[in-house]
Protein backbone atom coordinates (compact mmCIF):
# COMPACT_ATOMS: atom_id res chain seq x y z
CA MET A 1 -0.11 0.07 -0.15
CA ARG A 2 1.44 3.31 -1.07
CA MET A 3 1.54 5.89 2.05
CA LEU A 4 0.68 9.53 1.45
CA SER A 5 3.36 11.98 1.97
CA SER A 6 2.75 14.55 4.74
CA SER A 7 5.88 16.74 4.05
CA VAL A 8 5.64 20.58 3.49
CA PRO A 9 6.11 22.03 0.26
CA PRO A 10 9.79 23.32 -0.34
CA SER A 11 8.57 26.86 -0.84
CA ILE A 12 6.64 27.08 2.30
CA SER A 13 9.55 25.67 4.26
CA ARG A 14 11.87 28.43 2.80
CA TYR A 15 9.38 30.98 3.83
CA THR A 16 9.07 30.22 7.37
CA PHE A 17 12.84 29.70 7.98
CA SER A 18 13.49 33.19 6.43
CA SER A 19 10.72 34.82 8.53
CA ARG A 20 12.28 33.36 11.74
CA ARG A 21 15.75 34.53 10.57
CA ARG A 22 14.20 38.20 10.28
CA TRP A 23 12.58 37.95 13.39
CA LEU A 24 16.03 36.90 15.35
CA TRP A 25 17.90 39.74 13.56
CA ALA A 26 15.20 42.11 14.53
CA LEU A 27 15.52 41.15 18.12
CA LEU A 28 19.27 41.22 18.25
CA LEU A 29 18.96 44.66 16.78
CA THR A 30 16.66 45.90 19.28
CA VAL A 31 18.53 44.79 22.27
CA LEU A 32 21.73 46.52 20.87
CA LEU A 33 19.93 49.65 20.30
CA HIS A 34 18.76 49.41 24.01
CA ILE A 35 22.34 48.80 24.95
CA LEU A 36 23.50 51.88 23.02
CA LEU A 37 20.87 54.07 24.22
CA PHE A 38 21.48 53.05 27.92
CA SER A 39 25.25 53.80 27.52
CA TRP A 40 24.56 57.20 25.72
CA GLY A 41 21.92 58.35 28.49
CA SER A 42 24.36 57.38 31.27
CA ARG A 43 27.23 59.75 29.69
CA GLN A 44 24.57 62.56 28.89
CA PHE A 45 22.98 62.76 32.58
CA LYS A 46 25.99 61.37 34.39
CA ALA A 47 24.36 59.00 36.20
CA PRO A 48 26.53 57.84 38.88
CA ALA A 49 27.77 54.16 38.69
CA PRO A 50 26.56 51.94 41.67
CA VAL A 51 29.20 51.62 44.11
CA ASN A 52 29.51 48.53 46.18
CA ARG A 53 30.59 49.43 49.67
CA PRO A 54 30.98 46.84 52.01
CA ASP A 55 28.58 47.11 55.31
CA HIS A 56 30.29 47.92 58.35
CA ALA A 57 29.11 46.38 61.66
CA ILE A 58 28.34 48.84 64.54
CA MET A 59 28.64 47.43 67.83
CA ALA A 60 26.81 49.29 70.73
CA THR A 61 26.67 48.61 74.35
CA ILE A 62 23.44 49.58 76.40
CA VAL A 63 24.64 50.87 79.81
CA PRO A 64 21.63 51.53 82.09
CA LEU A 65 21.02 55.17 83.36
CA PRO A 66 21.83 56.18 87.02
CA PRO A 67 18.80 56.55 89.30
CA VAL A 68 17.39 60.01 89.75
CA GLU A 69 18.63 61.81 92.75
CA LYS A 70 15.93 63.08 95.09
CA PRO A 71 16.32 66.54 96.75
CA VAL A 72 17.75 66.38 100.29
CA LEU A 73 15.47 68.36 102.86
CA LEU A 74 16.96 69.82 105.92
CA PRO A 75 15.36 68.77 109.03
CA GLN A 76 12.88 71.28 110.26
CA ALA A 77 11.86 71.73 113.66
CA PRO A 78 8.32 70.60 114.35
CA LYS A 79 5.49 72.98 114.73
CA PRO A 80 4.46 73.99 118.05
CA LYS A 81 0.88 72.79 119.02
CA PRO A 82 -1.54 75.49 119.48
CA ASP A 83 -2.29 76.01 123.22
CA THR A 84 -5.84 75.04 123.87
CA GLN A 85 -5.77 76.51 127.41
CA ALA A 86 -6.99 79.93 127.92
CA ARG A 87 -4.52 82.35 129.46
CA PRO A 88 -5.61 85.30 131.39
CA LYS A 89 -5.43 88.70 129.83
CA ALA A 90 -3.02 91.02 131.19
CA THR A 91 -4.19 94.11 132.63
CA PRO A 92 -3.25 97.09 130.85
CA LYS A 93 -0.87 99.34 132.98
CA PRO A 94 -1.90 102.94 132.74
CA ARG A 95 0.29 105.34 130.68
CA PRO A 96 1.66 108.50 132.14
CA ALA A 97 0.38 111.81 130.97
CA PRO A 98 2.43 113.18 128.07
CA ALA A 99 4.38 116.26 128.69
CA PRO A 100 3.17 119.27 127.38
CA ALA A 101 4.79 120.04 124.19
CA VAL A 102 7.10 123.16 123.98
CA GLU A 103 6.17 125.09 120.66
CA VAL A 104 9.43 126.55 118.88
CA PRO A 105 8.74 129.53 116.71
CA ASP A 106 9.87 129.11 113.17
CA THR A 107 11.72 131.87 111.63
CA PRO A 108 10.83 132.63 108.13
CA ILE A 109 13.64 131.87 105.58
CA ARG A 110 13.62 135.13 104.26
CA GLU A 111 14.68 137.00 107.17
CA THR A 112 17.01 134.44 109.04
CA VAL A 113 19.92 134.65 106.50
CA THR A 114 21.79 137.89 105.99
CA PRO A 115 23.47 138.21 102.68
CA LEU A 116 27.18 138.71 102.61
CA ASP A 117 28.62 142.02 101.73
CA ASP A 118 32.10 143.15 100.83
CA ASN A 119 33.33 143.23 104.59
CA GLY A 120 31.76 139.76 105.55
CA PRO A 121 28.49 139.21 107.50
CA ALA A 122 26.57 142.37 108.09
CA GLY A 123 25.32 141.29 111.25
CA PRO A 124 23.35 138.89 113.28
CA PRO A 125 20.30 137.43 111.24
CA ALA A 126 17.28 139.54 111.49
CA THR A 127 14.17 138.33 113.18
CA SER A 128 10.70 139.07 111.92
CA THR A 129 8.07 140.71 114.46
CA ALA A 130 5.82 137.60 114.43
CA ALA A 131 8.67 135.55 115.45
CA ALA A 132 9.71 137.90 118.44
CA ASP A 133 6.01 137.95 119.75
CA ALA A 134 6.16 134.13 119.55
CA ALA A 135 9.41 133.90 121.64
CA THR A 136 7.88 136.28 124.36
CA ASN A 137 4.45 134.63 124.50
CA PRO A 138 4.30 130.82 123.84
CA ALA A 139 0.68 130.90 123.86
CA THR A 140 0.54 132.53 120.16
CA ALA A 141 3.31 130.30 119.05
CA ALA A 142 0.89 127.46 118.25
CA THR A 143 -1.08 129.27 115.81
CA PRO A 144 1.52 131.08 113.78
CA PRO A 145 -0.15 134.05 111.69
CA VAL A 146 -0.82 133.58 107.92
CA ALA A 147 0.79 135.97 105.51
CA GLN A 148 -1.97 138.23 103.85
CA ALA A 149 -1.67 140.66 101.28
CA ASP A 150 -2.35 143.63 103.40
CA ALA A 151 0.30 142.77 106.04
CA THR A 152 3.24 144.91 106.42
CA PRO A 153 5.97 143.19 104.51
CA PRO A 154 9.55 143.53 105.96
CA ALA A 155 12.18 145.56 104.00
CA GLY A 156 13.80 144.17 101.13
CA LYS A 157 17.83 143.82 100.80
CA HIS A 158 19.39 146.77 98.65
CA TYR A 159 22.16 145.75 96.20
CA GLN A 160 24.30 147.94 94.12
CA THR A 161 22.74 147.25 90.51
CA ASN A 162 23.33 148.43 87.12
CA PRO A 163 21.37 146.55 84.51
CA PRO A 164 23.07 145.40 81.42
CA PRO A 165 22.25 146.77 78.06
CA SER A 166 19.72 145.42 75.77
CA ALA A 167 20.58 142.40 73.69
CA GLU A 168 18.96 139.10 71.95
CA LEU A 169 20.69 135.92 72.99
CA LYS A 170 20.24 132.77 71.01
CA TYR A 171 21.04 129.46 72.65
CA ASP A 172 21.67 125.81 71.46
CA VAL A 173 19.28 123.87 73.67
CA GLU A 174 19.74 120.30 74.85
CA ALA A 175 17.09 118.24 76.98
CA LEU A 176 16.90 115.07 78.48
CA GLN A 177 13.35 113.91 79.05
CA LYS A 178 12.47 110.47 80.32
CA GLY A 179 15.74 108.86 79.10
CA GLN A 180 15.46 110.37 75.60
CA ASN A 181 17.82 113.34 74.44
CA TYR A 182 16.51 116.26 72.46
CA HIS A 183 18.13 118.93 70.56
CA GLY A 184 16.55 122.37 69.71
CA SER A 185 17.05 126.15 70.07
CA GLY A 186 16.10 128.91 72.46
CA LYS A 187 16.22 132.62 72.55
CA ILE A 188 16.06 135.34 75.46
CA THR A 189 15.48 139.15 74.63
CA TRP A 190 16.23 141.55 77.20
CA GLN A 191 15.01 144.98 76.49
CA THR A 192 15.50 148.17 78.67
CA ASP A 193 15.32 151.86 78.26
CA GLY A 194 16.63 152.60 81.88
CA GLY A 195 13.36 153.07 83.35
CA SER A 196 11.55 149.92 82.44
CA TYR A 197 12.44 146.38 81.09
CA THR A 198 10.82 143.47 79.12
CA ILE A 199 12.01 139.93 79.18
CA ASN A 200 10.91 137.60 76.36
CA GLY A 201 12.09 133.97 76.22
CA GLU A 202 11.36 130.35 74.46
CA ALA A 203 13.16 127.18 74.35
CA GLY A 204 12.03 124.52 72.11
CA ALA A 205 13.31 120.86 71.00
CA LEU A 206 12.11 119.07 67.84
CA PHE A 207 9.97 121.96 66.53
CA ILE A 208 8.10 121.81 69.98
CA THR A 209 8.31 124.91 72.16
CA VAL A 210 9.08 123.41 75.73
CA LEU A 211 8.88 126.78 77.71
CA ASP A 212 7.79 130.32 76.80
CA PHE A 213 7.97 133.21 79.30
CA LYS A 214 7.72 137.07 79.66
CA SER A 215 8.30 139.35 82.39
CA GLU A 216 7.71 143.06 82.48
CA GLY A 217 8.44 145.59 85.10
CA GLU A 218 10.54 148.48 86.14
CA ILE A 219 13.96 149.57 87.01
CA ASN A 220 14.18 151.06 90.27
CA ASP A 221 16.37 151.52 93.39
CA PHE A 222 16.24 147.83 94.00
CA GLY A 223 17.23 146.92 90.50
CA VAL A 224 14.86 144.75 88.37
CA ALA A 225 11.43 144.99 89.75
CA PRO A 226 8.97 142.76 87.79
CA VAL A 227 5.09 143.86 87.59
CA THR A 228 3.71 140.71 85.54
CA TYR A 229 5.19 137.28 84.74
CA THR A 230 3.56 134.84 82.27
CA GLN A 231 4.66 131.43 81.63
CA LYS A 232 3.68 128.72 79.40
CA ARG A 233 5.18 125.13 79.56
CA PHE A 234 4.32 122.28 77.06
CA ARG A 235 0.84 120.97 77.37
CA LYS A 236 0.27 123.07 80.24
CA PRO A 237 -1.96 126.21 80.37
CA ALA A 238 -0.27 129.62 80.60
CA THR A 239 -0.03 131.17 84.03
CA GLN A 240 0.35 134.91 85.32
CA THR A 241 2.02 136.09 88.27
CA THR A 242 1.12 139.95 89.00
CA PHE A 243 3.25 142.06 91.65
CA HIS A 244 0.51 144.50 92.77
CA ARG A 245 2.02 147.90 93.62
CA GLU A 246 -1.44 149.51 95.05
CA ARG A 247 -1.92 146.43 97.34
CA ASN A 248 1.67 145.62 98.29
CA ALA A 249 1.01 141.92 97.34
CA ILE A 250 1.98 139.03 94.84
CA VAL A 251 -1.04 137.22 93.63
CA PHE A 252 -1.13 134.20 91.08
CA SER A 253 -3.80 133.43 88.49
CA SER A 254 -3.40 129.90 89.14
CA SER A 255 -3.14 129.62 92.84
CA PRO A 256 -5.05 131.14 95.85
CA ASN A 257 -1.49 131.81 97.72
CA SER A 258 -0.80 135.58 98.47
CA TYR A 259 2.62 137.07 99.73
CA PRO A 260 3.41 140.54 100.63
CA ARG A 261 5.55 142.79 98.61
CA SER A 262 8.17 145.04 99.94
CA GLY A 263 10.47 145.52 97.19
CA GLY A 264 13.26 143.57 95.63
CA GLU A 265 11.21 140.56 94.74
CA GLN A 266 11.96 138.60 91.57
CA ASP A 267 10.22 136.25 89.30
CA ARG A 268 11.69 133.16 87.43
CA ALA A 269 12.74 134.87 84.49
CA SER A 270 13.94 138.41 86.04
CA VAL A 271 16.22 136.58 88.67
CA VAL A 272 18.70 135.95 86.12
CA TRP A 273 18.98 139.63 84.97
CA GLN A 274 18.82 140.92 88.71
CA LEU A 275 22.02 138.77 89.30
CA ALA A 276 23.56 140.25 86.00
CA SER A 277 22.59 143.76 87.30
CA ILE A 278 24.35 143.17 90.75
CA GLY A 279 27.60 142.13 89.08
CA ARG A 280 27.70 145.06 86.95
CA GLY A 281 26.63 147.24 90.06
CA ASP A 282 29.68 146.02 92.09
CA SER A 283 31.87 143.04 90.70
CA LYS A 284 32.98 142.74 94.51
CA GLN A 285 29.49 141.53 95.36
CA PHE A 286 30.64 137.99 93.55
CA SER A 287 33.11 136.06 95.47
CA PRO A 288 33.73 132.32 95.86
CA GLY A 289 31.19 131.00 98.56
CA ALA A 290 29.02 134.32 98.84
CA VAL A 291 25.42 134.09 98.91
CA ILE A 292 22.65 136.15 97.48
CA ASP A 293 19.29 135.92 98.88
CA LEU A 294 16.44 136.82 96.50
CA PHE A 295 12.59 136.39 97.16
CA VAL A 296 11.41 134.58 93.85
CA ALA A 297 7.83 134.03 92.67
CA GLY A 298 6.80 131.42 90.33
CA PRO A 299 3.57 130.64 88.82
CA LEU A 300 2.04 128.98 91.93
CA ASP A 301 3.83 130.51 94.99
CA ALA A 302 6.75 132.31 96.22
CA GLU A 303 9.99 131.59 98.47
CA THR A 304 13.42 132.80 99.22
CA TRP A 305 16.04 131.47 96.70
CA ARG A 306 19.49 131.25 98.01
CA MET A 307 21.85 132.13 95.05
CA GLN A 308 25.46 130.88 95.94
CA VAL A 309 28.38 131.76 94.06
CA ILE A 310 30.55 128.68 93.39
CA GLY A 311 33.57 130.75 91.69
CA GLN A 312 34.99 131.59 88.49
CA GLU A 313 34.97 129.13 85.68
CA LYS A 314 36.12 129.20 82.08
CA ILE A 315 33.80 127.65 79.82
CA SER A 316 33.52 127.16 76.10
CA VAL A 317 30.17 128.62 74.34
CA GLY A 318 29.74 129.13 70.62
CA GLY A 319 33.60 128.09 69.99
CA ASP A 320 34.78 130.84 72.35
CA ASP A 321 36.34 130.30 75.95
CA LEU A 322 34.91 132.69 78.26
CA ASP A 323 35.65 133.46 81.89
CA THR A 324 32.35 133.42 83.88
CA TRP A 325 31.00 133.30 87.38
CA HIS A 326 29.13 130.05 88.13
CA VAL A 327 25.99 130.80 90.38
CA ILE A 328 23.73 127.87 91.49
CA ARG A 329 20.20 127.58 93.34
CA VAL A 330 19.81 124.45 95.10
CA PRO A 331 16.48 123.69 96.56
CA GLN A 332 15.72 122.57 100.05
CA ALA A 333 15.87 118.91 100.83
CA GLY A 334 12.68 117.27 99.94
CA SER A 335 11.59 120.23 97.74
CA HIS A 336 10.05 119.44 94.24
CA GLU A 337 11.61 122.67 92.74
CA GLN A 338 14.24 122.42 90.08
CA ARG A 339 17.88 123.33 90.38
CA LEU A 340 19.14 126.33 88.43
CA ASP A 341 22.77 126.89 87.28
CA ILE A 342 23.77 130.18 85.84
CA TRP A 343 26.94 131.04 84.16
CA LEU A 344 27.63 135.03 83.92
CA ALA A 345 30.41 136.35 81.64
CA PRO A 346 31.79 139.63 83.01
CA GLN A 347 33.59 140.19 79.43
CA GLN A 348 30.07 140.04 77.78
CA GLU A 349 28.26 142.73 80.11
CA TRP A 350 27.50 139.84 82.59
CA TYR A 351 24.90 138.20 80.24
CA PRO A 352 24.10 134.85 80.98
CA VAL A 353 25.92 132.70 78.51
CA LYS A 354 24.80 129.47 79.71
CA LEU A 355 21.67 128.15 81.72
CA ARG A 356 20.87 124.71 82.93
CA PHE A 357 17.66 123.65 84.67
CA THR A 358 17.57 120.41 86.37
CA GLU A 359 14.54 118.51 87.69
CA THR A 360 14.44 116.43 90.89
CA ASP A 361 13.99 113.24 88.63
CA GLY A 362 17.24 113.94 86.67
CA ASP A 363 15.72 115.43 83.40
CA TYR A 364 17.33 118.84 82.34
CA LEU A 365 17.17 121.57 80.04
CA ASP A 366 20.73 123.01 78.84
CA MET A 367 20.88 126.36 77.01
CA ALA A 368 24.42 127.39 75.92
CA LEU A 369 24.95 130.83 74.16
CA SER A 370 25.34 130.43 70.33
CA LYS A 371 24.63 134.04 68.94
CA MET A 372 24.41 137.57 70.50
CA LYS A 373 22.89 140.64 69.23
CA ARG A 374 23.16 144.02 70.88
CA LEU A 375 20.02 146.30 70.50
CA ASN A 376 19.38 149.85 70.53
CA THR A 377 17.32 151.87 73.09
CA ALA A 378 14.79 152.38 70.64
CA ALA A 379 14.23 148.68 70.16
CA ALA A 380 13.39 148.31 73.96
CA ASN A 381 10.43 151.08 73.82
């Protein structure tokens, strides 16, 4: 029996072998392209080659923590137990009757100190009439009389005076207030025609007027004699102090106080120019340690200012070295008044070339002369 042949035709067998060979070449080409692409990409992006690092074994020994130390308490004495037994109350002993107080009459400051003259103290301190009556009659010492406007004022102290000529003084201002330093400028204008005077002053810092004042009055046998004094401080209302000639009294617009006027009294602006007038009247009235007592009225009250002459000092103002007399006013202990330092220059008509106002808390206002201009008599009228 003849068997049928199942072999594939030669044409189909050749086609199948050729197709497989093409697929094999395509696969090899694809692998080669991937290898080339990977190599090119590594060079372009600089991919770091993997580094085989040997692993290091770390050995650690666990040590137990020390126990927490407790604070050591010092031994304390046991608290005493409350006493529950009632104790008898002590009978209070009678106190002896207090001895009657001996009243010592006070002598007003204005009359207790006699200023020094050229030859030393002029004599024992003067005693007011009220103090003398209190010494002879202790019954009246318990209620000292209150100074009234119509009371007979004691005689004032006469000094040789010669007021300086009219001038306009400009100052560099430095102030310390609540720990902050400020700088500014100030001006004082002194105008006189020999029979009357006017003082205008102001001081400011950072475009703000800190102090503004004006004093007007006459020139008489006592020297500078104010009639009205006006003062305006920053953020405070203006005040006026009046020296009444007819009533012989010093009164205040912002205070009910009243003081007798007898001559020689000053306000806080005129006192500086009265000192300059005293120095020009007789320079011998200025000596180291000398004191000049002046009764000075402020915006609310008045008291005796003891002006003490410290001595001669050379200071630099406006780039010039000047010989000056340093005069200070130090308030009494416990007073809230400010300290005043004045430097008067005899070579410059005894003008105040420097002023310093110091408060009790350390704040101050310093005025140093920067420019001076003489004024003619017509400007004073």
